[in-house]
């Protein structure tokens, strides 16, 4: 399996947002361009620097408006447009409004859900393999996340869509817990892969093992293992953010 599964998102924001984004991309895929549909006045304000309090108010207002609108609408086309917002408009649309928000806020949680869906769909093959490493035998995690023990790439893509759809159309807290459970299994898969790479590096360094590698090969293997563990730690933070969001939502305190 390729060890480029560290999959970090483009870096933006601060605090745990950096951790959450860096847990998701580093795939070499191009960053979506700024969409032409973004209101020009808003774009100019953002470029020129918006008052932090004003931007925070807009962030929370847009998150609540979006969630409320989709919950109330009966128009399937509206639902589809919201769920595929990043696909059509680019991640910058929501990044400008939500990437700076705290992880224990509604816009912060929605930001993570959108990024999670994007990452899962773009890296579906790698994630399917990591799932099989993290969940070799089906446990309660498979049931909670709604993923088979040996998911295909298409299973991962469907799960990505289903998690985000559940947040907008179903029980919001359940969707967050489902997302957190999914991420935690991927964390286990990354750690397992890192252990495999480390073991192989040790074998390459031992002449008695018959798999001697160059110093560069051994160093590269250790670097890949370290990158995986770093990404796993960031993803673990993301999962905790999602669980905290679920807890706050149930208590009526996710704002």
Protein backbone atom coordinates (compact mmCIF):
# COMPACT_ATOMS: atom_id res chain seq x y z
CA UNK A 1 0.00 0.00 0.00
CA UNK A 2 1.19 3.48 -0.73
CA UNK A 3 2.33 5.30 2.35
CA UNK A 4 1.18 8.64 1.02
CA UNK A 5 -1.99 8.18 3.03
CA UNK A 6 -1.13 11.03 5.32
CA UNK A 7 -3.61 12.98 3.17
CA UNK A 8 -3.42 16.54 4.50
CA UNK A 9 -5.80 19.35 3.60
CA UNK A 10 -4.47 22.75 2.53
CA UNK A 11 -3.43 24.57 5.66
CA UNK A 12 -5.66 27.37 6.85
CA UNK A 13 -6.97 28.71 10.10
CA UNK A 14 -5.49 28.28 13.55
CA UNK A 15 -5.37 26.01 16.56
CA UNK A 16 -7.02 22.66 16.13
CA UNK A 17 -8.29 23.76 12.74
CA UNK A 18 -4.75 23.43 11.44
CA UNK A 19 -4.61 19.96 12.94
CA UNK A 20 -7.91 19.02 11.39
CA UNK A 21 -7.02 20.31 7.94
CA UNK A 22 -3.54 18.83 7.99
CA UNK A 23 -5.08 15.50 8.83
CA UNK A 24 -6.95 15.46 5.59
CA UNK A 25 -4.89 16.21 2.45
CA UNK A 26 -1.21 16.23 1.44
CA UNK A 27 -2.25 14.24 -1.61
CA UNK A 28 -0.73 16.32 -4.37
CA UNK A 29 -4.16 17.19 -5.73
CA UNK A 30 -4.58 20.84 -6.77
CA UNK A 31 -6.38 23.15 -4.42
CA UNK A 32 -9.79 24.19 -5.80
CA UNK A 33 -9.67 27.63 -7.36
CA UNK A 34 -11.58 30.51 -5.83
CA UNK A 35 -15.06 30.26 -7.38
CA UNK A 36 -16.23 32.96 -9.69
CA UNK A 37 -19.68 32.79 -8.09
CA UNK A 38 -18.38 34.20 -4.80
CA UNK A 39 -20.01 37.58 -4.28
CA UNK A 40 -17.52 40.25 -5.34
CA UNK A 41 -18.18 42.52 -2.39
CA UNK A 42 -17.66 39.69 0.05
CA UNK A 43 -14.47 38.66 -1.72
CA UNK A 44 -13.15 42.22 -1.53
CA UNK A 45 -14.00 42.49 2.16
CA UNK A 46 -12.25 39.24 2.90
CA UNK A 47 -9.20 40.26 0.92
CA UNK A 48 -9.10 43.60 2.71
CA UNK A 49 -9.64 42.15 6.15
CA UNK A 50 -13.03 41.91 7.84
CA UNK A 51 -13.60 42.86 11.44
CA UNK A 52 -13.17 39.60 13.44
CA UNK A 53 -16.42 40.04 15.35
CA UNK A 54 -18.32 40.72 12.15
CA UNK A 55 -16.80 37.71 10.44
CA UNK A 56 -17.60 35.51 13.43
CA UNK A 57 -21.21 36.66 13.37
CA UNK A 58 -21.46 35.95 9.64
CA UNK A 59 -19.87 32.53 10.11
CA UNK A 60 -22.38 31.47 12.73
CA UNK A 61 -25.33 33.00 10.89
CA UNK A 62 -24.51 31.24 7.62
CA UNK A 63 -23.99 27.89 9.35
CA UNK A 64 -27.33 28.06 11.13
CA UNK A 65 -29.13 29.36 8.04
CA UNK A 66 -27.73 26.56 5.87
CA UNK A 67 -28.55 23.82 8.37
CA UNK A 68 -32.04 25.16 9.06
CA UNK A 69 -32.85 25.65 5.38
CA UNK A 70 -31.91 22.11 4.40
CA UNK A 71 -33.79 20.62 7.34
CA UNK A 72 -36.95 22.44 6.30
CA UNK A 73 -36.84 22.13 2.53
CA UNK A 74 -38.60 19.43 0.58
CA UNK A 75 -36.71 20.27 -2.60
CA UNK A 76 -34.18 17.49 -3.34
CA UNK A 77 -32.23 19.80 -5.64
CA UNK A 78 -31.59 22.22 -2.78
CA UNK A 79 -30.36 19.37 -0.61
CA UNK A 80 -28.08 18.13 -3.38
CA UNK A 81 -26.59 21.60 -3.96
CA UNK A 82 -25.77 22.00 -0.28
CA UNK A 83 -24.24 18.56 0.06
CA UNK A 84 -22.07 19.04 -3.03
CA UNK A 85 -21.18 22.66 -2.30
CA UNK A 86 -17.44 22.01 -2.24
CA UNK A 87 -17.61 19.94 -5.44
CA UNK A 88 -19.12 22.78 -7.43
CA UNK A 89 -17.84 25.90 -5.70
CA UNK A 90 -14.48 24.83 -4.26
CA UNK A 91 -13.42 24.53 -0.65
CA UNK A 92 -12.54 28.24 -0.49
CA UNK A 93 -16.22 29.19 -0.29
CA UNK A 94 -16.65 27.72 3.17
CA UNK A 95 -13.02 28.21 4.14
CA UNK A 96 -13.43 31.99 3.96
CA UNK A 97 -16.32 31.87 6.40
CA UNK A 98 -15.77 28.83 8.62
CA UNK A 99 -12.10 27.80 8.72
CA UNK A 100 -11.24 30.33 11.45
CA UNK A 101 -14.06 29.29 13.79
CA UNK A 102 -13.61 27.32 16.98
CA UNK A 103 -13.95 23.52 16.74
CA UNK A 104 -16.72 23.53 19.36
CA UNK A 105 -18.99 25.75 17.26
CA UNK A 106 -21.55 24.90 14.60
CA UNK A 107 -19.55 26.42 11.71
CA UNK A 108 -16.41 24.71 13.03
CA UNK A 109 -18.14 21.34 13.06
CA UNK A 110 -19.71 21.80 9.63
CA UNK A 111 -16.29 22.83 8.29
CA UNK A 112 -14.86 19.53 9.48
CA UNK A 113 -17.73 17.53 8.00
CA UNK A 114 -17.31 19.13 4.58
CA UNK A 115 -13.57 18.57 4.63
CA UNK A 116 -14.06 14.98 5.76
CA UNK A 117 -16.40 14.28 2.86
CA UNK A 118 -14.01 15.88 0.37
CA UNK A 119 -11.05 13.90 1.71
CA UNK A 120 -12.97 10.60 1.74
CA UNK A 121 -14.09 11.01 -1.86
CA UNK A 122 -10.72 12.14 -3.20
CA UNK A 123 -8.74 9.46 -1.35
CA UNK A 124 -11.32 6.68 -1.39
CA UNK A 125 -8.86 3.97 -2.45
CA UNK A 126 -6.30 4.77 0.23
CA UNK A 127 -9.00 5.16 2.87
CA UNK A 128 -10.60 1.83 1.96
CA UNK A 129 -7.24 0.13 2.54
CA UNK A 130 -6.69 1.99 5.80
CA UNK A 131 -10.15 0.95 6.98
CA UNK A 132 -9.33 -2.70 6.37
CA UNK A 133 -6.13 -2.27 8.40
CA UNK A 134 -7.91 -0.48 11.24
CA UNK A 135 -10.96 -2.73 11.29
CA UNK A 136 -9.79 -6.17 10.05
CA UNK A 137 -12.74 -7.81 11.83
CA UNK A 138 -16.09 -6.03 11.99
CA UNK A 139 -16.80 -4.50 15.40
CA UNK A 140 -19.32 -2.00 16.72
CA UNK A 141 -17.35 0.68 14.86
CA UNK A 142 -18.43 -0.83 11.54
CA UNK A 143 -22.06 -0.72 12.62
CA UNK A 144 -21.86 2.85 13.91
CA UNK A 145 -20.02 4.18 10.87
CA UNK A 146 -22.13 2.11 8.48
CA UNK A 147 -19.14 0.56 6.73
CA UNK A 148 -18.55 -3.06 5.76
CA UNK A 149 -15.49 -4.86 7.10
CA UNK A 150 -13.91 -4.79 3.63
CA UNK A 151 -15.22 -1.61 1.96
CA UNK A 152 -14.61 -0.81 -1.69
CA UNK A 153 -13.72 2.63 -2.98
CA UNK A 154 -17.35 3.23 -3.88
CA UNK A 155 -18.41 2.20 -0.37
CA UNK A 156 -16.16 4.92 1.01
CA UNK A 157 -17.61 7.52 -1.37
CA UNK A 158 -21.16 6.54 -0.44
CA UNK A 159 -20.31 6.70 3.25
CA UNK A 160 -18.85 10.18 2.79
CA UNK A 161 -22.08 11.40 1.21
CA UNK A 162 -24.23 9.61 3.76
CA UNK A 163 -22.47 11.14 6.77
CA UNK A 164 -22.86 14.70 5.48
CA UNK A 165 -26.44 14.06 4.38
CA UNK A 166 -27.23 12.70 7.84
CA UNK A 167 -25.99 15.91 9.42
CA UNK A 168 -28.32 18.03 7.30
CA UNK A 169 -31.32 15.72 7.02
CA UNK A 170 -31.17 13.44 10.06
CA UNK A 171 -30.00 13.53 13.67
CA UNK A 172 -27.08 15.96 13.73
CA UNK A 173 -25.43 14.45 16.81
CA UNK A 174 -25.66 10.93 15.40
CA UNK A 175 -24.01 12.10 12.18
CA UNK A 176 -21.15 13.65 14.15
CA UNK A 177 -20.63 10.49 16.18
CA UNK A 178 -20.70 8.42 13.02
CA UNK A 179 -18.05 10.67 11.46
CA UNK A 180 -15.90 10.49 14.60
CA UNK A 181 -16.11 6.69 14.67
CA UNK A 182 -15.13 6.49 11.02
CA UNK A 183 -12.13 8.76 11.57
CA UNK A 184 -11.00 6.76 14.59
CA UNK A 185 -10.87 3.56 12.54
CA UNK A 186 -8.75 5.32 9.93
CA UNK A 187 -6.45 6.44 12.76
CA UNK A 188 -6.03 2.81 13.78
CA UNK A 189 -5.28 1.92 10.16
CA UNK A 190 -2.63 4.60 9.89
CA UNK A 191 -0.97 3.45 13.09
CA UNK A 192 -0.97 -0.14 11.86
CA UNK A 193 0.57 0.94 8.56
CA UNK A 194 3.22 2.95 10.41
CA UNK A 195 4.13 -0.12 12.45
CA UNK A 196 4.51 -2.16 9.26
CA UNK A 197 6.76 0.45 7.70
CA UNK A 198 8.87 0.72 10.85
CA UNK A 199 9.26 -3.06 11.02
CA UNK A 200 10.36 -3.11 7.39
CA UNK A 201 12.88 -0.34 8.07
CA UNK A 202 14.35 -2.35 10.93
CA UNK A 203 14.58 -5.40 8.69
CA UNK A 204 16.43 -3.39 6.06
CA UNK A 205 18.92 -2.31 8.72
CA UNK A 206 19.59 -5.89 9.88
CA UNK A 207 21.93 -7.90 7.58
CA UNK A 208 20.62 -11.14 9.10
CA UNK A 209 17.10 -10.42 7.87
CA UNK A 210 18.07 -10.66 4.20
CA UNK A 211 16.34 -7.42 3.25
CA UNK A 212 19.20 -4.98 3.51
CA UNK A 213 18.43 -1.48 2.27
CA UNK A 214 20.45 1.63 1.76
CA UNK A 215 20.71 4.30 4.41
CA UNK A 216 18.48 6.49 2.26
CA UNK A 217 15.85 3.75 2.00
CA UNK A 218 15.81 3.21 5.74
CA UNK A 219 15.62 6.93 6.45
CA UNK A 220 12.78 7.34 3.95
CA UNK A 221 10.82 4.51 5.57
CA UNK A 222 11.18 6.03 9.04
CA UNK A 223 10.09 9.41 7.63
CA UNK A 224 6.97 7.89 6.08
CA UNK A 225 6.09 6.15 9.34
CA UNK A 226 6.54 9.39 11.27
CA UNK A 227 4.31 11.25 8.80
CA UNK A 228 1.59 8.66 9.20
CA UNK A 229 1.73 8.88 12.98
CA UNK A 230 1.63 12.67 12.83
CA UNK A 231 -1.41 12.58 10.58
CA UNK A 232 -3.06 9.97 12.79
CA UNK A 233 -2.61 12.25 15.79
CA UNK A 234 -4.22 15.15 13.90
CA UNK A 235 -7.11 12.96 12.81
CA UNK A 236 -7.60 11.83 16.39
CA UNK A 237 -8.00 15.51 17.33
CA UNK A 238 -10.59 15.88 14.57
CA UNK A 239 -12.54 12.88 15.87
CA UNK A 240 -12.54 14.39 19.36
CA UNK A 241 -13.79 17.70 17.94
CA UNK A 242 -16.67 15.87 16.27
CA UNK A 243 -17.60 13.98 19.44
CA UNK A 244 -17.50 17.20 21.43
CA UNK A 245 -19.80 18.76 18.84
CA UNK A 246 -22.27 15.89 19.24
CA UNK A 247 -22.25 16.29 23.01
CA UNK A 248 -22.81 20.03 22.80
CA UNK A 249 -25.60 19.62 20.23
CA UNK A 250 -27.50 17.26 22.50
CA UNK A 251 -27.20 19.77 25.33
CA UNK A 252 -28.33 22.62 23.13
CA UNK A 253 -24.97 24.35 23.48
CA UNK A 254 -23.48 24.06 19.99
CA UNK A 255 -23.57 27.63 18.72
